Amino acid sequence: SRHGAGGQCTRAESLCRFSADKIKRMAELLDQNPDALLALAGRMDPELSEIIKDRPVAMADFLRTVREHNLSQSDIERFTRQIKEERA
């Protein structure tokens, strides 16, 4: 759950009280990955929501395929790098 007793943020998730924009700014100031900090807060970058809304069927299929085939983070990173190199 995102909240502890009484609807309060748990200690590990104390970022949950901040907006996505503030969390992204904190990540920048701390030289951390904004998506990782957003995930700790139980949030997602609003930009990602827009990307999914723009291509809902394709993105859902892609994400389910990643899960169904149990792709690792390194698999996904390699795939992402390959696409970026091919499209550069």
N, C-alpha and C. Protein backbone atom coordinates (compact mmCIF):
# COMPACT_ATOMS: atom_id res chain seq x y z
N SER A 1 0.84 -1.19 0.00
CA SER A 1 0.00 0.00 0.00
C SER A 1 0.87 1.24 0.00
N ARG A 2 0.37 2.30 -0.57
CA ARG A 2 1.11 3.54 -0.66
C ARG A 2 1.09 4.30 0.66
N HIS A 3 0.13 4.01 1.50
CA HIS A 3 -0.01 4.75 2.74
C HIS A 3 0.00 3.81 3.93
N GLY A 4 0.52 4.31 5.03
CA GLY A 4 0.51 3.54 6.27
C GLY A 4 -0.80 3.79 7.00
N ALA A 5 -0.81 3.50 8.27
CA ALA A 5 -2.01 3.69 9.09
C ALA A 5 -2.44 5.14 9.05
N GLY A 6 -3.73 5.37 8.96
CA GLY A 6 -4.26 6.71 8.94
C GLY A 6 -4.06 7.44 7.63
N GLY A 7 -3.68 6.72 6.58
CA GLY A 7 -3.51 7.34 5.27
C GLY A 7 -2.22 8.13 5.12
N GLN A 8 -1.31 7.99 6.06
CA GLN A 8 -0.05 8.72 6.00
C GLN A 8 0.95 7.95 5.13
N CYS A 9 1.87 8.70 4.54
CA CYS A 9 2.94 8.07 3.78
C CYS A 9 3.80 7.25 4.73
N THR A 10 4.26 6.11 4.28
CA THR A 10 5.19 5.34 5.09
C THR A 10 6.56 6.02 5.01
N ARG A 11 7.42 5.70 5.93
CA ARG A 11 8.74 6.33 5.96
C ARG A 11 9.49 6.13 4.65
N ALA A 12 9.45 4.92 4.10
CA ALA A 12 10.15 4.62 2.86
C ALA A 12 9.54 5.32 1.66
N GLU A 13 8.29 5.73 1.79
CA GLU A 13 7.60 6.36 0.66
C GLU A 13 7.24 7.81 0.96
N SER A 14 8.06 8.49 1.75
CA SER A 14 7.73 9.86 2.16
C SER A 14 7.65 10.82 0.99
N LEU A 15 8.11 10.42 -0.18
CA LEU A 15 8.01 11.26 -1.37
C LEU A 15 6.57 11.39 -1.86
N CYS A 16 5.67 10.54 -1.39
CA CYS A 16 4.31 10.52 -1.94
C CYS A 16 3.55 11.82 -1.75
N ARG A 17 3.99 12.67 -0.84
CA ARG A 17 3.28 13.93 -0.62
C ARG A 17 3.63 14.99 -1.67
N PHE A 18 4.66 14.74 -2.47
CA PHE A 18 5.10 15.70 -3.47
C PHE A 18 4.50 15.41 -4.84
N SER A 19 4.34 16.46 -5.64
CA SER A 19 3.85 16.29 -7.01
C SER A 19 4.94 15.64 -7.85
N ALA A 20 4.53 15.09 -8.99
CA ALA A 20 5.49 14.47 -9.90
C ALA A 20 6.54 15.48 -10.34
N ASP A 21 6.12 16.71 -10.62
CA ASP A 21 7.09 17.73 -11.04
C ASP A 21 8.13 18.02 -9.96
N LYS A 22 7.69 18.09 -8.71
CA LYS A 22 8.64 18.35 -7.62
C LYS A 22 9.59 17.17 -7.44
N ILE A 23 9.08 15.97 -7.58
CA ILE A 23 9.94 14.79 -7.45
C ILE A 23 10.97 14.77 -8.57
N LYS A 24 10.55 15.12 -9.78
CA LYS A 24 11.50 15.18 -10.91
C LYS A 24 12.57 16.23 -10.65
N ARG A 25 12.20 17.36 -10.09
CA ARG A 25 13.16 18.42 -9.78
C ARG A 25 14.14 17.95 -8.70
N MET A 26 13.61 17.26 -7.67
CA MET A 26 14.48 16.71 -6.62
C MET A 26 15.49 15.74 -7.22
N ALA A 27 15.02 14.89 -8.12
CA ALA A 27 15.91 13.92 -8.76
C ALA A 27 17.03 14.64 -9.51
N GLU A 28 16.66 15.71 -10.20
CA GLU A 28 17.66 16.48 -10.94
C GLU A 28 18.70 17.07 -9.97
N LEU A 29 18.23 17.66 -8.87
CA LEU A 29 19.14 18.26 -7.90
C LEU A 29 20.03 17.23 -7.21
N LEU A 30 19.50 16.01 -7.03
CA LEU A 30 20.25 14.94 -6.37
C LEU A 30 21.02 14.06 -7.35
N ASP A 31 20.93 14.40 -8.64
CA ASP A 31 21.57 13.62 -9.69
C ASP A 31 21.12 12.15 -9.64
N GLN A 32 19.79 11.99 -9.54
CA GLN A 32 19.18 10.66 -9.49
C GLN A 32 18.23 10.49 -10.67
N ASN A 33 17.89 9.27 -10.99
CA ASN A 33 16.95 8.99 -12.06
C ASN A 33 15.55 9.40 -11.61
N PRO A 34 14.89 10.30 -12.33
CA PRO A 34 13.57 10.76 -11.91
C PRO A 34 12.52 9.64 -11.91
N ASP A 35 12.61 8.73 -12.85
CA ASP A 35 11.63 7.64 -12.90
C ASP A 35 11.76 6.73 -11.68
N ALA A 36 12.98 6.53 -11.21
CA ALA A 36 13.19 5.70 -10.02
C ALA A 36 12.59 6.38 -8.78
N LEU A 37 12.81 7.70 -8.64
CA LEU A 37 12.24 8.40 -7.49
C LEU A 37 10.72 8.46 -7.58
N LEU A 38 10.20 8.67 -8.78
CA LEU A 38 8.74 8.68 -8.95
C LEU A 38 8.16 7.33 -8.55
N ALA A 39 8.82 6.25 -8.94
CA ALA A 39 8.33 4.91 -8.59
C ALA A 39 8.33 4.70 -7.08
N LEU A 40 9.35 5.20 -6.39
CA LEU A 40 9.39 5.09 -4.94
C LEU A 40 8.21 5.81 -4.29
N ALA A 41 7.77 6.88 -4.96
CA ALA A 41 6.63 7.65 -4.45
C ALA A 41 5.29 7.08 -4.91
N GLY A 42 5.33 5.99 -5.68
CA GLY A 42 4.10 5.41 -6.18
C GLY A 42 3.49 6.23 -7.30
N ARG A 43 4.31 6.97 -8.00
CA ARG A 43 3.84 7.85 -9.09
C ARG A 43 4.51 7.47 -10.40
N MET A 44 3.98 8.07 -11.46
CA MET A 44 4.55 7.87 -12.78
C MET A 44 4.63 9.23 -13.46
N ASP A 45 5.66 9.45 -14.25
CA ASP A 45 5.81 10.71 -14.97
C ASP A 45 4.57 10.92 -15.85
N PRO A 46 3.91 12.06 -15.75
CA PRO A 46 2.73 12.33 -16.58
C PRO A 46 3.02 12.19 -18.07
N GLU A 47 4.25 12.42 -18.48
CA GLU A 47 4.63 12.25 -19.88
C GLU A 47 4.41 10.80 -20.33
N LEU A 48 4.69 9.85 -19.44
CA LEU A 48 4.49 8.44 -19.78
C LEU A 48 3.02 8.12 -19.98
N SER A 49 2.17 8.72 -19.17
CA SER A 49 0.73 8.54 -19.35
C SER A 49 0.29 9.03 -20.72
N GLU A 50 0.83 10.16 -21.14
CA GLU A 50 0.49 10.71 -22.46
C GLU A 50 0.98 9.79 -23.58
N ILE A 51 2.18 9.24 -23.42
CA ILE A 51 2.71 8.31 -24.44
C ILE A 51 1.79 7.10 -24.56
N ILE A 52 1.37 6.57 -23.44
CA ILE A 52 0.48 5.40 -23.45
C ILE A 52 -0.87 5.77 -24.06
N LYS A 53 -1.40 6.95 -23.73
CA LYS A 53 -2.69 7.39 -24.29
C LYS A 53 -2.61 7.59 -25.79
N ASP A 54 -1.45 8.02 -26.29
CA ASP A 54 -1.27 8.25 -27.73
C ASP A 54 -1.28 6.94 -28.53
N ARG A 55 -0.80 5.87 -27.92
CA ARG A 55 -0.72 4.56 -28.59
C ARG A 55 -1.16 3.47 -27.62
N PRO A 56 -2.40 3.50 -27.17
CA PRO A 56 -2.82 2.60 -26.07
C PRO A 56 -2.72 1.12 -26.40
N VAL A 57 -3.11 0.72 -27.58
CA VAL A 57 -3.10 -0.71 -27.91
C VAL A 57 -1.66 -1.22 -28.07
N ALA A 58 -0.86 -0.47 -28.81
CA ALA A 58 0.53 -0.88 -29.04
C ALA A 58 1.33 -0.88 -27.74
N MET A 59 1.15 0.15 -26.90
CA MET A 59 1.91 0.22 -25.66
C MET A 59 1.47 -0.87 -24.68
N ALA A 60 0.18 -1.13 -24.61
CA ALA A 60 -0.30 -2.20 -23.73
C ALA A 60 0.26 -3.54 -24.19
N ASP A 61 0.24 -3.77 -25.49
CA ASP A 61 0.77 -5.02 -26.03
C ASP A 61 2.27 -5.14 -25.73
N PHE A 62 3.00 -4.05 -25.92
CA PHE A 62 4.44 -4.06 -25.65
C PHE A 62 4.73 -4.36 -24.17
N LEU A 63 4.05 -3.67 -23.27
CA LEU A 63 4.30 -3.86 -21.85
C LEU A 63 3.90 -5.26 -21.38
N ARG A 64 2.80 -5.76 -21.91
CA ARG A 64 2.40 -7.13 -21.55
C ARG A 64 3.38 -8.15 -22.10
N THR A 65 3.91 -7.89 -23.29
CA THR A 65 4.91 -8.79 -23.87
C THR A 65 6.16 -8.82 -23.01
N VAL A 66 6.59 -7.66 -22.55
CA VAL A 66 7.75 -7.58 -21.65
C VAL A 66 7.51 -8.44 -20.41
N ARG A 67 6.32 -8.30 -19.83
CA ARG A 67 6.01 -9.07 -18.62
C ARG A 67 5.88 -10.56 -18.92
N GLU A 68 5.14 -10.90 -19.97
CA GLU A 68 4.90 -12.31 -20.29
C GLU A 68 6.18 -13.07 -20.62
N HIS A 69 7.13 -12.37 -21.23
CA HIS A 69 8.39 -13.02 -21.60
C HIS A 69 9.49 -12.77 -20.57
N ASN A 70 9.08 -12.16 -19.46
CA ASN A 70 9.98 -11.95 -18.33
C ASN A 70 11.29 -11.30 -18.75
N LEU A 71 11.20 -10.23 -19.56
CA LEU A 71 12.41 -9.55 -20.00
C LEU A 71 13.07 -8.86 -18.81
N SER A 72 14.36 -8.98 -18.73
CA SER A 72 15.12 -8.35 -17.64
C SER A 72 15.36 -6.88 -17.97
N GLN A 73 15.81 -6.15 -16.97
CA GLN A 73 16.15 -4.75 -17.20
C GLN A 73 17.22 -4.64 -18.28
N SER A 74 18.20 -5.52 -18.24
CA SER A 74 19.27 -5.46 -19.26
C SER A 74 18.72 -5.79 -20.65
N ASP A 75 17.75 -6.71 -20.76
CA ASP A 75 17.11 -6.99 -22.04
C ASP A 75 16.44 -5.74 -22.60
N ILE A 76 15.72 -5.06 -21.73
CA ILE A 76 14.99 -3.86 -22.15
C ILE A 76 15.97 -2.75 -22.51
N GLU A 77 17.02 -2.58 -21.72
CA GLU A 77 18.02 -1.56 -22.02
C GLU A 77 18.71 -1.84 -23.35
N ARG A 78 19.03 -3.10 -23.61
CA ARG A 78 19.66 -3.47 -24.88
C ARG A 78 18.73 -3.18 -26.05
N PHE A 79 17.45 -3.52 -25.90
CA PHE A 79 16.46 -3.27 -26.93
C PHE A 79 16.32 -1.76 -27.18
N THR A 80 16.27 -0.99 -26.11
CA THR A 80 16.15 0.47 -26.23
C THR A 80 17.36 1.06 -26.93
N ARG A 81 18.55 0.61 -26.54
CA ARG A 81 19.79 1.08 -27.17
C ARG A 81 19.79 0.76 -28.67
N GLN A 82 19.35 -0.45 -29.01
CA GLN A 82 19.32 -0.87 -30.41
C GLN A 82 18.39 0.03 -31.22
N ILE A 83 17.24 0.34 -30.72
CA ILE A 83 16.29 1.21 -31.42
C ILE A 83 16.90 2.59 -31.60
N LYS A 84 17.50 3.14 -30.54
CA LYS A 84 18.08 4.48 -30.62
C LYS A 84 19.21 4.52 -31.65
N GLU A 85 20.03 3.47 -31.70
CA GLU A 85 21.12 3.42 -32.67
C GLU A 85 20.61 3.31 -34.10
N GLU A 86 19.57 2.50 -34.30
CA GLU A 86 19.00 2.33 -35.64
C GLU A 86 18.30 3.57 -36.15
N ARG A 87 17.73 4.36 -35.23
CA ARG A 87 16.96 5.54 -35.61
C ARG A 87 17.77 6.84 -35.55
N ALA A 88 19.04 6.74 -35.16
CA ALA A 88 19.88 7.95 -35.03
C ALA A 88 20.24 8.54 -36.37
